Amino acid sequence: MGEVTKTKTEDRSKTASFIRGIQKEYSKISWTSSEDVVKQTSAV
């Protein structure tokens, strides 16, 4: 029983760090895409 609880906690922390990584990547992507939009707009 203790093993199951441990695994669930590990999974949760893995998921949390995974989501955090995605959010970091996503903020990077949205940051660059908004910069690109500004460049395109000023180019026109």
PDB file of N, CA and C in Angstrom:
ATOM      1  N   MET A   1       0.832  -1.199   0.000  1.00  0.00           N
ATOM      2  CA  MET A   1       0.000   0.000   0.000  1.00  0.00           C
ATOM      3  C   MET A   1       0.871   1.254   0.000  1.00  0.00           C
ATOM      4  N   GLY A   2       1.929   1.233   0.802  1.00  0.00           N
ATOM      5  CA  GLY A   2       2.815   2.396   0.867  1.00  0.00           C
ATOM      6  C   GLY A   2       3.478   2.677  -0.470  1.00  0.00           C
ATOM      7  N   GLU A   3       3.767   1.605  -1.211  1.00  0.00           N
ATOM      8  CA  GLU A   3       4.405   1.773  -2.521  1.00  0.00           C
ATOM      9  C   GLU A   3       3.502   2.541  -3.481  1.00  0.00           C
ATOM     10  N   VAL A   4       2.224   2.212  -3.466  1.00  0.00           N
ATOM     11  CA  VAL A   4       1.273   2.858  -4.370  1.00  0.00           C
ATOM     12  C   VAL A   4       1.238   4.356  -4.106  1.00  0.00           C
ATOM     13  N   THR A   5       1.165   4.726  -2.826  1.00  0.00           N
ATOM     14  CA  THR A   5       1.121   6.145  -2.464  1.00  0.00           C
ATOM     15  C   THR A   5       2.376   6.844  -2.939  1.00  0.00           C
ATOM     16  N   LYS A   6       3.516   6.179  -2.743  1.00  0.00           N
ATOM     17  CA  LYS A   6       4.794   6.770  -3.150  1.00  0.00           C
ATOM     18  C   LYS A   6       4.808   7.021  -4.657  1.00  0.00           C
ATOM     19  N   THR A   7       4.357   6.024  -5.411  1.00  0.00           N
ATOM     20  CA  THR A   7       4.354   6.150  -6.868  1.00  0.00           C
ATOM     21  C   THR A   7       3.448   7.288  -7.304  1.00  0.00           C
ATOM     22  N   LYS A   8       2.289   7.405  -6.671  1.00  0.00           N
ATOM     23  CA  LYS A   8       1.358   8.472  -7.036  1.00  0.00           C
ATOM     24  C   LYS A   8       2.002   9.829  -6.799  1.00  0.00           C
ATOM     25  N   THR A   9       2.685   9.968  -5.665  1.00  0.00           N
ATOM     26  CA  THR A   9       3.338  11.242  -5.353  1.00  0.00           C
ATOM     27  C   THR A   9       4.420  11.539  -6.375  1.00  0.00           C
ATOM     28  N   GLU A  10       5.195  10.524  -6.740  1.00  0.00           N
ATOM     29  CA  GLU A  10       6.250  10.708  -7.740  1.00  0.00           C
ATOM     30  C   GLU A  10       5.645  11.121  -9.073  1.00  0.00           C
ATOM     31  N   ASP A  11       4.568  10.440  -9.460  1.00  0.00           N
ATOM     32  CA  ASP A  11       3.892  10.775 -10.718  1.00  0.00           C
ATOM     33  C   ASP A  11       3.421  12.216 -10.697  1.00  0.00           C
ATOM     34  N   ARG A  12       2.864  12.624  -9.552  1.00  0.00           N
ATOM     35  CA  ARG A  12       2.334  13.975  -9.459  1.00  0.00           C
ATOM     36  C   ARG A  12       3.449  14.994  -9.611  1.00  0.00           C
ATOM     37  N   SER A  13       4.583  14.760  -8.963  1.00  0.00           N
ATOM     38  CA  SER A  13       5.693  15.710  -9.065  1.00  0.00           C
ATOM     39  C   SER A  13       6.276  15.695 -10.468  1.00  0.00           C
ATOM     40  N   LYS A  14       6.302  14.515 -11.091  1.00  0.00           N
ATOM     41  CA  LYS A  14       6.772  14.425 -12.482  1.00  0.00           C
ATOM     42  C   LYS A  14       5.855  15.235 -13.381  1.00  0.00           C
ATOM     43  N   THR A  15       4.553  15.052 -13.196  1.00  0.00           N
ATOM     44  CA  THR A  15       3.570  15.783 -14.001  1.00  0.00           C
ATOM     45  C   THR A  15       3.717  17.275 -13.778  1.00  0.00           C
ATOM     46  N   ALA A  16       3.908  17.674 -12.527  1.00  0.00           N
ATOM     47  CA  ALA A  16       4.038  19.094 -12.199  1.00  0.00           C
ATOM     48  C   ALA A  16       5.245  19.695 -12.898  1.00  0.00           C
ATOM     49  N   SER A  17       6.385  19.013 -12.833  1.00  0.00           N
ATOM     50  CA  SER A  17       7.590  19.529 -13.480  1.00  0.00           C
ATOM     51  C   SER A  17       7.433  19.507 -14.994  1.00  0.00           C
ATOM     52  N   PHE A  18       6.710  18.506 -15.504  1.00  0.00           N
ATOM     53  CA  PHE A  18       6.454  18.406 -16.944  1.00  0.00           C
ATOM     54  C   PHE A  18       5.622  19.598 -17.403  1.00  0.00           C
ATOM     55  N   ILE A  19       4.558  19.893 -16.644  1.00  0.00           N
ATOM     56  CA  ILE A  19       3.691  21.031 -16.977  1.00  0.00           C
ATOM     57  C   ILE A  19       4.486  22.325 -16.895  1.00  0.00           C
ATOM     58  N   ARG A  20       5.335  22.423 -15.870  1.00  0.00           N
ATOM     59  CA  ARG A  20       6.146  23.626 -15.705  1.00  0.00           C
ATOM     60  C   ARG A  20       7.047  23.810 -16.918  1.00  0.00           C
ATOM     61  N   GLY A  21       7.628  22.713 -17.395  1.00  0.00           N
ATOM     62  CA  GLY A  21       8.488  22.776 -18.572  1.00  0.00           C
ATOM     63  C   GLY A  21       7.716  23.223 -19.800  1.00  0.00           C
ATOM     64  N   ILE A  22       6.501  22.688 -19.954  1.00  0.00           N
ATOM     65  CA  ILE A  22       5.659  23.080 -21.092  1.00  0.00           C
ATOM     66  C   ILE A  22       5.344  24.564 -21.015  1.00  0.00           C
ATOM     67  N   GLN A  23       4.976  25.038 -19.822  1.00  0.00           N
ATOM     68  CA  GLN A  23       4.635  26.452 -19.660  1.00  0.00           C
ATOM     69  C   GLN A  23       5.829  27.323 -20.005  1.00  0.00           C
ATOM     70  N   LYS A  24       7.026  26.881 -19.595  1.00  0.00           N
ATOM     71  CA  LYS A  24       8.241  27.645 -19.894  1.00  0.00           C
ATOM     72  C   LYS A  24       8.435  27.728 -21.405  1.00  0.00           C
ATOM     73  N   GLU A  25       8.317  26.560 -22.076  1.00  0.00           N
ATOM     74  CA  GLU A  25       8.460  26.517 -23.531  1.00  0.00           C
ATOM     75  C   GLU A  25       7.386  27.360 -24.200  1.00  0.00           C
ATOM     76  N   TYR A  26       6.156  27.253 -23.693  1.00  0.00           N
ATOM     77  CA  TYR A  26       5.041  27.967 -24.304  1.00  0.00           C
ATOM     78  C   TYR A  26       5.244  29.473 -24.185  1.00  0.00           C
ATOM     79  N   SER A  27       5.695  29.939 -23.023  1.00  0.00           N
ATOM     80  CA  SER A  27       5.910  31.379 -22.853  1.00  0.00           C
ATOM     81  C   SER A  27       7.021  31.843 -23.779  1.00  0.00           C
ATOM     82  N   LYS A  28       8.023  30.980 -24.001  1.00  0.00           N
ATOM     83  CA  LYS A  28       9.097  31.312 -24.940  1.00  0.00           C
ATOM     84  C   LYS A  28       8.513  31.450 -26.348  1.00  0.00           C
ATOM     85  N   ILE A  29       7.683  30.469 -26.733  1.00  0.00           N
ATOM     86  CA  ILE A  29       7.087  30.453 -28.073  1.00  0.00           C
ATOM     87  C   ILE A  29       6.188  31.665 -28.277  1.00  0.00           C
ATOM     88  N   SER A  30       5.295  31.923 -27.316  1.00  0.00           N
ATOM     89  CA  SER A  30       4.360  33.040 -27.467  1.00  0.00           C
ATOM     90  C   SER A  30       5.125  34.359 -27.483  1.00  0.00           C
ATOM     91  N   TRP A  31       6.233  34.427 -26.731  1.00  0.00           N
ATOM     92  CA  TRP A  31       7.050  35.641 -26.709  1.00  0.00           C
ATOM     93  C   TRP A  31       7.655  35.885 -28.084  1.00  0.00           C
ATOM     94  N   THR A  32       8.234  34.853 -28.680  1.00  0.00           N
ATOM     95  CA  THR A  32       8.864  35.010 -29.990  1.00  0.00           C
ATOM     96  C   THR A  32       7.818  35.256 -31.068  1.00  0.00           C
ATOM     97  N   SER A  33       6.673  34.584 -30.984  1.00  0.00           N
ATOM     98  CA  SER A  33       5.651  34.770 -32.015  1.00  0.00           C
ATOM     99  C   SER A  33       5.094  36.187 -31.957  1.00  0.00           C
ATOM    100  N   SER A  34       4.940  36.751 -30.769  1.00  0.00           N
ATOM    101  CA  SER A  34       4.451  38.130 -30.678  1.00  0.00           C
ATOM    102  C   SER A  34       5.500  39.088 -31.219  1.00  0.00           C
ATOM    103  N   GLU A  35       6.776  38.785 -31.005  1.00  0.00           N
ATOM    104  CA  GLU A  35       7.849  39.610 -31.568  1.00  0.00           C
ATOM    105  C   GLU A  35       7.803  39.536 -33.089  1.00  0.00           C
ATOM    106  N   ASP A  36       7.591  38.331 -33.620  1.00  0.00           N
ATOM    107  CA  ASP A  36       7.501  38.142 -35.070  1.00  0.00           C
ATOM    108  C   ASP A  36       6.344  38.949 -35.643  1.00  0.00           C
ATOM    109  N   VAL A  37       5.219  38.942 -34.954  1.00  0.00           N
ATOM    110  CA  VAL A  37       4.048  39.696 -35.412  1.00  0.00           C
ATOM    111  C   VAL A  37       4.393  41.178 -35.477  1.00  0.00           C
ATOM    112  N   VAL A  38       5.088  41.669 -34.462  1.00  0.00           N
ATOM    113  CA  VAL A  38       5.478  43.082 -34.438  1.00  0.00           C
ATOM    114  C   VAL A  38       6.394  43.381 -35.618  1.00  0.00           C
ATOM    115  N   LYS A  39       7.352  42.488 -35.867  1.00  0.00           N
ATOM    116  CA  LYS A  39       8.276  42.671 -36.995  1.00  0.00           C
ATOM    117  C   LYS A  39       7.504  42.706 -38.312  1.00  0.00           C
ATOM    118  N   GLN A  40       6.588  41.750 -38.483  1.00  0.00           N
ATOM    119  CA  GLN A  40       5.807  41.678 -39.720  1.00  0.00           C
ATOM    120  C   GLN A  40       4.964  42.939 -39.893  1.00  0.00           C
ATOM    121  N   THR A  41       4.367  43.400 -38.807  1.00  0.00           N
ATOM    122  CA  THR A  41       3.509  44.586 -38.881  1.00  0.00           C
ATOM    123  C   THR A  41       4.333  45.809 -39.252  1.00  0.00           C
ATOM    124  N   SER A  42       5.497  45.951 -38.638  1.00  0.00           N
ATOM    125  CA  SER A  42       6.329  47.120 -38.930  1.00  0.00           C
ATOM    126  C   SER A  42       6.953  46.997 -40.320  1.00  0.00           C
ATOM    127  N   ALA A  43       7.127  45.758 -40.807  1.00  0.00           N
ATOM    128  CA  ALA A  43       7.677  45.551 -42.150  1.00  0.00           C
ATOM    129  C   ALA A  43       6.673  46.022 -43.196  1.00  0.00           C
ATOM    130  N   VAL A  44       5.400  45.833 -42.922  1.00  0.00           N
ATOM    131  CA  VAL A  44       4.337  46.273 -43.841  1.00  0.00           C
ATOM    132  C   VAL A  44       4.190  47.772 -43.687  1.00  0.00           C
TER     133      VAL A  44
END
